[in-house]
Amino acid sequence: MKCPSRFYSRALATLVPALIVGLAIPFNTARAEVPTDPPTFSDPLTIDSAFFPFVPGGSKEFAGSDHGTKTGAKDFYLTETRTFQWSGNEVACRIL
């Protein structure tokens, strides 16, 4: 059986240089800007985001748990659209 103090010494000898090198590298701070211009709607009926796919007439099912209790939700994407007034313009939107 190996001596625990020897194990900790080796681990420390490995981690300390890695920590020093890691701290020597300058941090690149993340920057985010809040848009201040009015939004533009070039083609509001085409939603082609890879993170939020929207297929008219399709559906999406979500499943999960909340403190051990199973939960879920279903989204249905309608084919109809609805029109809203935005800055004096009519904007057609998809209905979820």
PDB file of N, CA and C in Angstrom:
ATOM      1  N   MET A   1       0.843  -1.185   0.000  1.00  0.00           N
ATOM      2  CA  MET A   1       0.000   0.000   0.000  1.00  0.00           C
ATOM      3  C   MET A   1       0.886   1.245   0.000  1.00  0.00           C
ATOM      4  N   LYS A   2       0.553   2.186  -0.872  1.00  0.00           N
ATOM      5  CA  LYS A   2       1.355   3.403  -0.971  1.00  0.00           C
ATOM      6  C   LYS A   2       1.029   4.348   0.181  1.00  0.00           C
ATOM      7  N   CYS A   3       1.981   5.129   0.517  1.00  0.00           N
ATOM      8  CA  CYS A   3       1.822   6.096   1.606  1.00  0.00           C
ATOM      9  C   CYS A   3       0.974   7.261   1.120  1.00  0.00           C
ATOM     10  N   PRO A   4      -0.109   7.617   1.848  1.00  0.00           N
ATOM     11  CA  PRO A   4      -0.970   8.715   1.403  1.00  0.00           C
ATOM     12  C   PRO A   4      -0.231  10.041   1.262  1.00  0.00           C
ATOM     13  N   SER A   5       0.728  10.293   2.138  1.00  0.00           N
ATOM     14  CA  SER A   5       1.430  11.578   2.059  1.00  0.00           C
ATOM     15  C   SER A   5       2.246  11.660   0.766  1.00  0.00           C
ATOM     16  N   ARG A   6       2.768  10.534   0.301  1.00  0.00           N
ATOM     17  CA  ARG A   6       3.516  10.511  -0.955  1.00  0.00           C
ATOM     18  C   ARG A   6       2.590  10.806  -2.135  1.00  0.00           C
ATOM     19  N   PHE A   7       1.382  10.246  -2.094  1.00  0.00           N
ATOM     20  CA  PHE A   7       0.384  10.502  -3.135  1.00  0.00           C
ATOM     21  C   PHE A   7       0.048  11.988  -3.196  1.00  0.00           C
ATOM     22  N   TYR A   8      -0.213  12.591  -2.041  1.00  0.00           N
ATOM     23  CA  TYR A   8      -0.553  14.010  -1.993  1.00  0.00           C
ATOM     24  C   TYR A   8       0.609  14.876  -2.449  1.00  0.00           C
ATOM     25  N   SER A   9       1.822  14.464  -2.136  1.00  0.00           N
ATOM     26  CA  SER A   9       3.002  15.230  -2.576  1.00  0.00           C
ATOM     27  C   SER A   9       3.107  15.226  -4.092  1.00  0.00           C
ATOM     28  N   ARG A  10       2.889  14.062  -4.700  1.00  0.00           N
ATOM     29  CA  ARG A  10       2.948  13.977  -6.160  1.00  0.00           C
ATOM     30  C   ARG A  10       1.815  14.769  -6.804  1.00  0.00           C
ATOM     31  N   ALA A  11       0.640  14.670  -6.218  1.00  0.00           N
ATOM     32  CA  ALA A  11      -0.500  15.418  -6.763  1.00  0.00           C
ATOM     33  C   ALA A  11      -0.238  16.913  -6.678  1.00  0.00           C
ATOM     34  N   LEU A  12       0.291  17.357  -5.561  1.00  0.00           N
ATOM     35  CA  LEU A  12       0.606  18.773  -5.375  1.00  0.00           C
ATOM     36  C   LEU A  12       1.688  19.214  -6.349  1.00  0.00           C
ATOM     37  N   ALA A  13       2.689  18.355  -6.556  1.00  0.00           N
ATOM     38  CA  ALA A  13       3.775  18.687  -7.476  1.00  0.00           C
ATOM     39  C   ALA A  13       3.274  18.810  -8.906  1.00  0.00           C
ATOM     40  N   THR A  14       2.204  18.138  -9.230  1.00  0.00           N
ATOM     41  CA  THR A  14       1.618  18.224 -10.570  1.00  0.00           C
ATOM     42  C   THR A  14       0.675  19.406 -10.691  1.00  0.00           C
ATOM     43  N   LEU A  15      -0.137  19.631  -9.669  1.00  0.00           N
ATOM     44  CA  LEU A  15      -1.165  20.663  -9.746  1.00  0.00           C
ATOM     45  C   LEU A  15      -0.628  22.076  -9.579  1.00  0.00           C
ATOM     46  N   VAL A  16       0.353  22.278  -8.730  1.00  0.00           N
ATOM     47  CA  VAL A  16       0.858  23.638  -8.482  1.00  0.00           C
ATOM     48  C   VAL A  16       1.414  24.271  -9.754  1.00  0.00           C
ATOM     49  N   PRO A  17       2.288  23.586 -10.527  1.00  0.00           N
ATOM     50  CA  PRO A  17       2.755  24.221 -11.774  1.00  0.00           C
ATOM     51  C   PRO A  17       1.611  24.503 -12.750  1.00  0.00           C
ATOM     52  N   ALA A  18       0.653  23.590 -12.822  1.00  0.00           N
ATOM     53  CA  ALA A  18      -0.483  23.816 -13.720  1.00  0.00           C
ATOM     54  C   ALA A  18      -1.269  25.037 -13.282  1.00  0.00           C
ATOM     55  N   LEU A  19      -1.432  25.220 -11.992  1.00  0.00           N
ATOM     56  CA  LEU A  19      -2.150  26.380 -11.472  1.00  0.00           C
ATOM     57  C   LEU A  19      -1.387  27.660 -11.758  1.00  0.00           C
ATOM     58  N   ILE A  20      -0.083  27.626 -11.591  1.00  0.00           N
ATOM     59  CA  ILE A  20       0.734  28.824 -11.854  1.00  0.00           C
ATOM     60  C   ILE A  20       0.646  29.208 -13.323  1.00  0.00           C
ATOM     61  N   VAL A  21       0.755  28.232 -14.209  1.00  0.00           N
ATOM     62  CA  VAL A  21       0.646  28.512 -15.650  1.00  0.00           C
ATOM     63  C   VAL A  21      -0.750  29.040 -15.972  1.00  0.00           C
ATOM     64  N   GLY A  22      -1.765  28.438 -15.376  1.00  0.00           N
ATOM     65  CA  GLY A  22      -3.138  28.880 -15.623  1.00  0.00           C
ATOM     66  C   GLY A  22      -3.381  30.303 -15.167  1.00  0.00           C
ATOM     67  N   LEU A  23      -2.795  30.678 -14.052  1.00  0.00           N
ATOM     68  CA  LEU A  23      -2.980  32.044 -13.556  1.00  0.00           C
ATOM     69  C   LEU A  23      -2.160  33.060 -14.337  1.00  0.00           C
ATOM     70  N   ALA A  24      -1.097  32.601 -14.990  1.00  0.00           N
ATOM     71  CA  ALA A  24      -0.258  33.515 -15.756  1.00  0.00           C
ATOM     72  C   ALA A  24      -0.904  33.906 -17.078  1.00  0.00           C
ATOM     73  N   ILE A  25      -1.830  33.093 -17.559  1.00  0.00           N
ATOM     74  CA  ILE A  25      -2.521  33.391 -18.821  1.00  0.00           C
ATOM     75  C   ILE A  25      -3.579  34.462 -18.543  1.00  0.00           C
ATOM     76  N   PRO A  26      -3.571  35.566 -19.297  1.00  0.00           N
ATOM     77  CA  PRO A  26      -4.565  36.620 -19.042  1.00  0.00           C
ATOM     78  C   PRO A  26      -5.974  36.123 -19.361  1.00  0.00           C
ATOM     79  N   PHE A  27      -6.919  36.581 -18.555  1.00  0.00           N
ATOM     80  CA  PHE A  27      -8.308  36.215 -18.766  1.00  0.00           C
ATOM     81  C   PHE A  27      -8.895  37.066 -19.876  1.00  0.00           C
ATOM     82  N   ASN A  28      -9.585  36.436 -20.793  1.00  0.00           N
ATOM     83  CA  ASN A  28     -10.324  37.170 -21.813  1.00  0.00           C
ATOM     84  C   ASN A  28     -11.744  37.314 -21.306  1.00  0.00           C
ATOM     85  N   THR A  29     -12.123  38.519 -20.981  1.00  0.00           N
ATOM     86  CA  THR A  29     -13.458  38.729 -20.440  1.00  0.00           C
ATOM     87  C   THR A  29     -14.481  38.675 -21.564  1.00  0.00           C
ATOM     88  N   ALA A  30     -15.579  38.040 -21.278  1.00  0.00           N
ATOM     89  CA  ALA A  30     -16.667  37.968 -22.252  1.00  0.00           C
ATOM     90  C   ALA A  30     -17.380  39.306 -22.294  1.00  0.00           C
ATOM     91  N   ARG A  31     -17.723  39.737 -23.470  1.00  0.00           N
ATOM     92  CA  ARG A  31     -18.433  40.999 -23.612  1.00  0.00           C
ATOM     93  C   ARG A  31     -19.752  40.741 -24.318  1.00  0.00           C
ATOM     94  N   ALA A  32     -20.757  41.391 -23.838  1.00  0.00           N
ATOM     95  CA  ALA A  32     -22.069  41.303 -24.467  1.00  0.00           C
ATOM     96  C   ALA A  32     -22.642  42.703 -24.543  1.00  0.00           C
ATOM     97  N   GLU A  33     -23.291  42.977 -25.628  1.00  0.00           N
ATOM     98  CA  GLU A  33     -23.908  44.285 -25.793  1.00  0.00           C
ATOM     99  C   GLU A  33     -25.406  44.110 -25.973  1.00  0.00           C
ATOM    100  N   VAL A  34     -26.142  44.962 -25.326  1.00  0.00           N
ATOM    101  CA  VAL A  34     -27.595  44.951 -25.461  1.00  0.00           C
ATOM    102  C   VAL A  34     -27.948  45.818 -26.661  1.00  0.00           C
ATOM    103  N   PRO A  35     -28.671  45.266 -27.640  1.00  0.00           N
ATOM    104  CA  PRO A  35     -29.019  46.074 -28.809  1.00  0.00           C
ATOM    105  C   PRO A  35     -29.940  47.223 -28.415  1.00  0.00           C
ATOM    106  N   THR A  36     -29.658  48.391 -28.962  1.00  0.00           N
ATOM    107  CA  THR A  36     -30.479  49.567 -28.662  1.00  0.00           C
ATOM    108  C   THR A  36     -31.325  49.988 -29.853  1.00  0.00           C
ATOM    109  N   ASP A  37     -30.987  49.478 -31.041  1.00  0.00           N
ATOM    110  CA  ASP A  37     -31.764  49.823 -32.230  1.00  0.00           C
ATOM    111  C   ASP A  37     -33.047  48.999 -32.261  1.00  0.00           C
ATOM    112  N   PRO A  38     -34.065  49.521 -32.932  1.00  0.00           N
ATOM    113  CA  PRO A  38     -35.294  48.723 -33.073  1.00  0.00           C
ATOM    114  C   PRO A  38     -34.996  47.441 -33.838  1.00  0.00           C
ATOM    115  N   PRO A  39     -35.669  46.354 -33.509  1.00  0.00           N
ATOM    116  CA  PRO A  39     -35.417  45.100 -34.224  1.00  0.00           C
ATOM    117  C   PRO A  39     -35.873  45.196 -35.677  1.00  0.00           C
ATOM    118  N   THR A  40     -35.213  44.430 -36.526  1.00  0.00           N
ATOM    119  CA  THR A  40     -35.615  44.368 -37.929  1.00  0.00           C
ATOM    120  C   THR A  40     -36.168  42.972 -38.191  1.00  0.00           C
ATOM    121  N   PHE A  41     -37.205  42.926 -38.995  1.00  0.00           N
ATOM    122  CA  PHE A  41     -37.846  41.667 -39.330  1.00  0.00           C
ATOM    123  C   PHE A  41     -37.733  41.480 -40.834  1.00  0.00           C
ATOM    124  N   SER A  42     -36.629  40.849 -41.273  1.00  0.00           N
ATOM    125  CA  SER A  42     -36.436  40.675 -42.708  1.00  0.00           C
ATOM    126  C   SER A  42     -37.393  39.619 -43.260  1.00  0.00           C
ATOM    127  N   ASP A  43     -37.554  38.518 -42.549  1.00  0.00           N
ATOM    128  CA  ASP A  43     -38.471  37.461 -42.958  1.00  0.00           C
ATOM    129  C   ASP A  43     -38.947  36.749 -41.691  1.00  0.00           C
ATOM    130  N   PRO A  44     -39.878  37.351 -40.968  1.00  0.00           N
ATOM    131  CA  PRO A  44     -40.261  36.813 -39.658  1.00  0.00           C
ATOM    132  C   PRO A  44     -40.963  35.459 -39.708  1.00  0.00           C
ATOM    133  N   LEU A  45     -41.410  35.017 -40.876  1.00  0.00           N
ATOM    134  CA  LEU A  45     -42.083  33.724 -40.963  1.00  0.00           C
ATOM    135  C   LEU A  45     -41.108  32.569 -41.148  1.00  0.00           C
ATOM    136  N   THR A  46     -39.859  32.872 -41.445  1.00  0.00           N
ATOM    137  CA  THR A  46     -38.845  31.839 -41.579  1.00  0.00           C
ATOM    138  C   THR A  46     -38.022  31.797 -40.301  1.00  0.00           C
ATOM    139  N   ILE A  47     -38.219  30.753 -39.510  1.00  0.00           N
ATOM    140  CA  ILE A  47     -37.460  30.583 -38.272  1.00  0.00           C
ATOM    141  C   ILE A  47     -36.547  29.395 -38.497  1.00  0.00           C
ATOM    142  N   ASP A  48     -35.267  29.681 -38.772  1.00  0.00           N
ATOM    143  CA  ASP A  48     -34.336  28.617 -39.125  1.00  0.00           C
ATOM    144  C   ASP A  48     -33.171  28.514 -38.150  1.00  0.00           C
ATOM    145  N   SER A  49     -33.416  28.860 -36.903  1.00  0.00           N
ATOM    146  CA  SER A  49     -32.380  28.775 -35.889  1.00  0.00           C
ATOM    147  C   SER A  49     -32.076  27.316 -35.565  1.00  0.00           C
ATOM    148  N   ALA A  50     -30.788  26.982 -35.513  1.00  0.00           N
ATOM    149  CA  ALA A  50     -30.384  25.622 -35.154  1.00  0.00           C
ATOM    150  C   ALA A  50     -30.737  25.318 -33.699  1.00  0.00           C
ATOM    151  N   PHE A  51     -30.850  26.350 -32.873  1.00  0.00           N
ATOM    152  CA  PHE A  51     -31.143  26.163 -31.452  1.00  0.00           C
ATOM    153  C   PHE A  51     -32.639  26.142 -31.165  1.00  0.00           C
ATOM    154  N   PHE A  52     -33.446  26.633 -32.091  1.00  0.00           N
ATOM    155  CA  PHE A  52     -34.894  26.646 -31.900  1.00  0.00           C
ATOM    156  C   PHE A  52     -35.567  26.342 -33.226  1.00  0.00           C
ATOM    157  N   PRO A  53     -35.493  25.085 -33.675  1.00  0.00           N
ATOM    158  CA  PRO A  53     -36.126  24.756 -34.954  1.00  0.00           C
ATOM    159  C   PRO A  53     -37.646  24.884 -34.858  1.00  0.00           C
ATOM    160  N   PHE A  54     -38.226  25.499 -35.849  1.00  0.00           N
ATOM    161  CA  PHE A  54     -39.673  25.734 -35.891  1.00  0.00           C
ATOM    162  C   PHE A  54     -40.181  25.222 -37.222  1.00  0.00           C
ATOM    163  N   VAL A  55     -40.935  24.132 -37.186  1.00  0.00           N
ATOM    164  CA  VAL A  55     -41.494  23.553 -38.396  1.00  0.00           C
ATOM    165  C   VAL A  55     -43.003  23.747 -38.342  1.00  0.00           C
ATOM    166  N   PRO A  56     -43.579  24.623 -39.205  1.00  0.00           N
ATOM    167  CA  PRO A  56     -45.025  24.822 -39.182  1.00  0.00           C
ATOM    168  C   PRO A  56     -45.766  23.498 -39.332  1.00  0.00           C
ATOM    169  N   GLY A  57     -46.718  23.238 -38.449  1.00  0.00           N
ATOM    170  CA  GLY A  57     -47.465  21.995 -38.446  1.00  0.00           C
ATOM    171  C   GLY A  57     -46.792  20.893 -37.646  1.00  0.00           C
ATOM    172  N   GLY A  58     -45.609  21.160 -37.117  1.00  0.00           N
ATOM    173  CA  GLY A  58     -44.871  20.156 -36.362  1.00  0.00           C
ATOM    174  C   GLY A  58     -45.127  20.275 -34.867  1.00  0.00           C
ATOM    175  N   SER A  59     -44.402  19.485 -34.104  1.00  0.00           N
ATOM    176  CA  SER A  59     -44.520  19.529 -32.645  1.00  0.00           C
ATOM    177  C   SER A  59     -43.177  19.179 -32.033  1.00  0.00           C
ATOM    178  N   LYS A  60     -43.046  19.505 -30.747  1.00  0.00           N
ATOM    179  CA  LYS A  60     -41.838  19.206 -30.007  1.00  0.00           C
ATOM    180  C   LYS A  60     -42.246  18.748 -28.617  1.00  0.00           C
ATOM    181  N   GLU A  61     -41.602  17.710 -28.122  1.00  0.00           N
ATOM    182  CA  GLU A  61     -41.936  17.183 -26.795  1.00  0.00           C
ATOM    183  C   GLU A  61     -40.725  17.322 -25.880  1.00  0.00           C
ATOM    184  N   PHE A  62     -40.956  17.826 -24.682  1.00  0.00           N
ATOM    185  CA  PHE A  62     -39.913  18.015 -23.689  1.00  0.00           C
ATOM    186  C   PHE A  62     -40.181  17.079 -22.517  1.00  0.00           C
ATOM    187  N   ALA A  63     -39.148  16.470 -21.977  1.00  0.00           N
ATOM    188  CA  ALA A  63     -39.287  15.594 -20.813  1.00  0.00           C
ATOM    189  C   ALA A  63     -38.180  15.918 -19.830  1.00  0.00           C
ATOM    190  N   GLY A  64     -38.490  15.821 -18.553  1.00  0.00           N
ATOM    191  CA  GLY A  64     -37.496  16.096 -17.530  1.00  0.00           C
ATOM    192  C   GLY A  64     -38.003  15.664 -16.178  1.00  0.00           C
ATOM    193  N   SER A  65     -37.388  16.191 -15.141  1.00  0.00           N
ATOM    194  CA  SER A  65     -37.838  15.892 -13.788  1.00  0.00           C
ATOM    195  C   SER A  65     -37.643  17.110 -12.907  1.00  0.00           C
ATOM    196  N   ASP A  66     -38.458  17.190 -11.894  1.00  0.00           N
ATOM    197  CA  ASP A  66     -38.394  18.277 -10.927  1.00  0.00           C
ATOM    198  C   ASP A  66     -38.397  17.650  -9.541  1.00  0.00           C
ATOM    199  N   HIS A  67     -37.224  17.610  -8.926  1.00  0.00           N
ATOM    200  CA  HIS A  67     -37.066  17.005  -7.604  1.00  0.00           C
ATOM    201  C   HIS A  67     -37.600  15.575  -7.574  1.00  0.00           C
ATOM    202  N   GLY A  68     -37.279  14.799  -8.616  1.00  0.00           N
ATOM    203  CA  GLY A  68     -37.677  13.405  -8.659  1.00  0.00           C
ATOM    204  C   GLY A  68     -39.029  13.138  -9.296  1.00  0.00           C
ATOM    205  N   THR A  69     -39.818  14.175  -9.562  1.00  0.00           N
ATOM    206  CA  THR A  69     -41.122  14.016 -10.198  1.00  0.00           C
ATOM    207  C   THR A  69     -40.962  14.225 -11.702  1.00  0.00           C
ATOM    208  N   LYS A  70     -41.419  13.267 -12.497  1.00  0.00           N
ATOM    209  CA  LYS A  70     -41.319  13.405 -13.950  1.00  0.00           C
ATOM    210  C   LYS A  70     -42.201  14.546 -14.435  1.00  0.00           C
ATOM    211  N   THR A  71     -41.663  15.354 -15.338  1.00  0.00           N
ATOM    212  CA  THR A  71     -42.411  16.463 -15.920  1.00  0.00           C
ATOM    213  C   THR A  71     -42.281  16.392 -17.437  1.00  0.00           C
ATOM    214  N   GLY A  72     -43.127  17.120 -18.122  1.00  0.00           N
ATOM    215  CA  GLY A  72     -43.050  17.158 -19.567  1.00  0.00           C
ATOM    216  C   GLY A  72     -43.931  18.257 -20.127  1.00  0.00           C
ATOM    217  N   ALA A  73     -43.692  18.581 -21.377  1.00  0.00           N
ATOM    218  CA  ALA A  73     -44.490  19.598 -22.067  1.00  0.00           C
ATOM    219  C   ALA A  73     -44.477  19.284 -23.555  1.00  0.00           C
ATOM    220  N   LYS A  74     -45.515  19.704 -24.234  1.00  0.00           N
ATOM    221  CA  LYS A  74     -45.593  19.546 -25.684  1.00  0.00           C
ATOM    222  C   LYS A  74     -45.872  20.912 -26.303  1.00  0.00           C
ATOM    223  N   ASP A  75     -45.125  21.227 -27.345  1.00  0.00           N
ATOM    224  CA  ASP A  75     -45.352  22.440 -28.124  1.00  0.00           C
ATOM    225  C   ASP A  75     -45.887  22.025 -29.485  1.00  0.00           C
ATOM    226  N   PHE A  76     -46.921  22.701 -29.929  1.00  0.00           N
ATOM    227  CA  PHE A  76     -47.489  22.457 -31.254  1.00  0.00           C
ATOM    228  C   PHE A  76     -47.313  23.726 -32.079  1.00  0.00           C
ATOM    229  N   TYR A  77     -46.721  23.576 -33.258  1.00  0.00           N
ATOM    230  CA  TYR A  77     -46.476  24.707 -34.142  1.00  0.00           C
ATOM    231  C   TYR A  77     -47.574  24.765 -35.183  1.00  0.00           C
ATOM    232  N   LEU A  78     -48.392  25.783 -35.109  1.00  0.00           N
ATOM    233  CA  LEU A  78     -49.513  25.916 -36.031  1.00  0.00           C
ATOM    234  C   LEU A  78     -49.027  26.404 -37.385  1.00  0.00           C
ATOM    235  N   THR A  79     -49.834  26.181 -38.395  1.00  0.00           N
ATOM    236  CA  THR A  79     -49.491  26.670 -39.736  1.00  0.00           C
ATOM    237  C   THR A  79     -50.034  28.068 -39.973  1.00  0.00           C
ATOM    238  N   GLU A  80     -50.992  28.492 -39.124  1.00  0.00           N
ATOM    239  CA  GLU A  80     -51.558  29.831 -39.268  1.00  0.00           C
ATOM    240  C   GLU A  80     -50.555  30.886 -38.781  1.00  0.00           C
ATOM    241  N   THR A  81     -50.766  32.101 -39.207  1.00  0.00           N
ATOM    242  CA  THR A  81     -49.944  33.227 -38.751  1.00  0.00           C
ATOM    243  C   THR A  81     -50.839  34.279 -38.112  1.00  0.00           C
ATOM    244  N   ARG A  82     -50.225  35.191 -37.417  1.00  0.00           N
ATOM    245  CA  ARG A  82     -50.945  36.301 -36.797  1.00  0.00           C
ATOM    246  C   ARG A  82     -50.162  37.573 -37.094  1.00  0.00           C
ATOM    247  N   THR A  83     -50.869  38.655 -37.346  1.00  0.00           N
ATOM    248  CA  THR A  83     -50.225  39.907 -37.712  1.00  0.00           C
ATOM    249  C   THR A  83     -50.311  40.898 -36.559  1.00  0.00           C
ATOM    250  N   PHE A  84     -49.181  41.547 -36.277  1.00  0.00           N
ATOM    251  CA  PHE A  84     -49.092  42.561 -35.219  1.00  0.00           C
ATOM    252  C   PHE A  84     -48.625  43.873 -35.818  1.00  0.00           C
ATOM    253  N   GLN A  85     -48.971  44.944 -35.149  1.00  0.00           N
ATOM    254  CA  GLN A  85     -48.472  46.267 -35.524  1.00  0.00           C
ATOM    255  C   GLN A  85     -47.163  46.520 -34.780  1.00  0.00           C
ATOM    256  N   TRP A  86     -46.119  46.894 -35.504  1.00  0.00           N
ATOM    257  CA  TRP A  86     -44.827  47.201 -34.885  1.00  0.00           C
ATOM    258  C   TRP A  86     -44.259  48.438 -35.561  1.00  0.00           C
ATOM    259  N   SER A  87     -44.153  49.509 -34.799  1.00  0.00           N
ATOM    260  CA  SER A  87     -43.603  50.776 -35.312  1.00  0.00           C
ATOM    261  C   SER A  87     -44.300  51.207 -36.594  1.00  0.00           C
ATOM    262  N   GLY A  88     -45.612  51.072 -36.620  1.00  0.00           N
ATOM    263  CA  GLY A  88     -46.385  51.506 -37.777  1.00  0.00           C
ATOM    264  C   GLY A  88     -46.413  50.502 -38.920  1.00  0.00           C
ATOM    265  N   ASN A  89     -45.764  49.366 -38.759  1.00  0.00           N
ATOM    266  CA  ASN A  89     -45.742  48.341 -39.804  1.00  0.00           C
ATOM    267  C   ASN A  89     -46.486  47.099 -39.317  1.00  0.00           C
ATOM    268  N   GLU A  90     -47.046  46.364 -40.254  1.00  0.00           N
ATOM    269  CA  GLU A  90     -47.643  45.078 -39.912  1.00  0.00           C
ATOM    270  C   GLU A  90     -46.587  43.992 -40.050  1.00  0.00           C
ATOM    271  N   VAL A  91     -46.460  43.170 -39.012  1.00  0.00           N
ATOM    272  CA  VAL A  91     -45.482  42.087 -39.003  1.00  0.00           C
ATOM    273  C   VAL A  91     -46.217  40.775 -38.801  1.00  0.00           C
ATOM    274  N   ALA A  92     -46.087  39.850 -39.767  1.00  0.00           N
ATOM    275  CA  ALA A  92     -46.703  38.529 -39.640  1.00  0.00           C
ATOM    276  C   ALA A  92     -45.797  37.665 -38.780  1.00  0.00           C
ATOM    277  N   CYS A  93     -46.403  36.887 -37.866  1.00  0.00           N
ATOM    278  CA  CYS A  93     -45.649  36.037 -36.936  1.00  0.00           C
ATOM    279  C   CYS A  93     -46.224  34.635 -36.928  1.00  0.00           C
ATOM    280  N   ARG A  94     -45.370  33.678 -36.629  1.00  0.00           N
ATOM    281  CA  ARG A  94     -45.797  32.292 -36.482  1.00  0.00           C
ATOM    282  C   ARG A  94     -46.493  32.130 -35.140  1.00  0.00           C
ATOM    283  N   ILE A  95     -47.356  31.096 -35.033  1.00  0.00           N
ATOM    284  CA  ILE A  95     -48.096  30.849 -33.798  1.00  0.00           C
ATOM    285  C   ILE A  95     -47.623  29.537 -33.190  1.00  0.00           C
ATOM    286  N   LEU A  96     -47.257  29.583 -31.925  1.00  0.00           N
ATOM    287  CA  LEU A  96     -46.850  28.396 -31.175  1.00  0.00           C
ATOM    288  C   LEU A  96     -47.987  28.021 -30.266  1.00  0.00           C
TER     289      LEU A  96
END
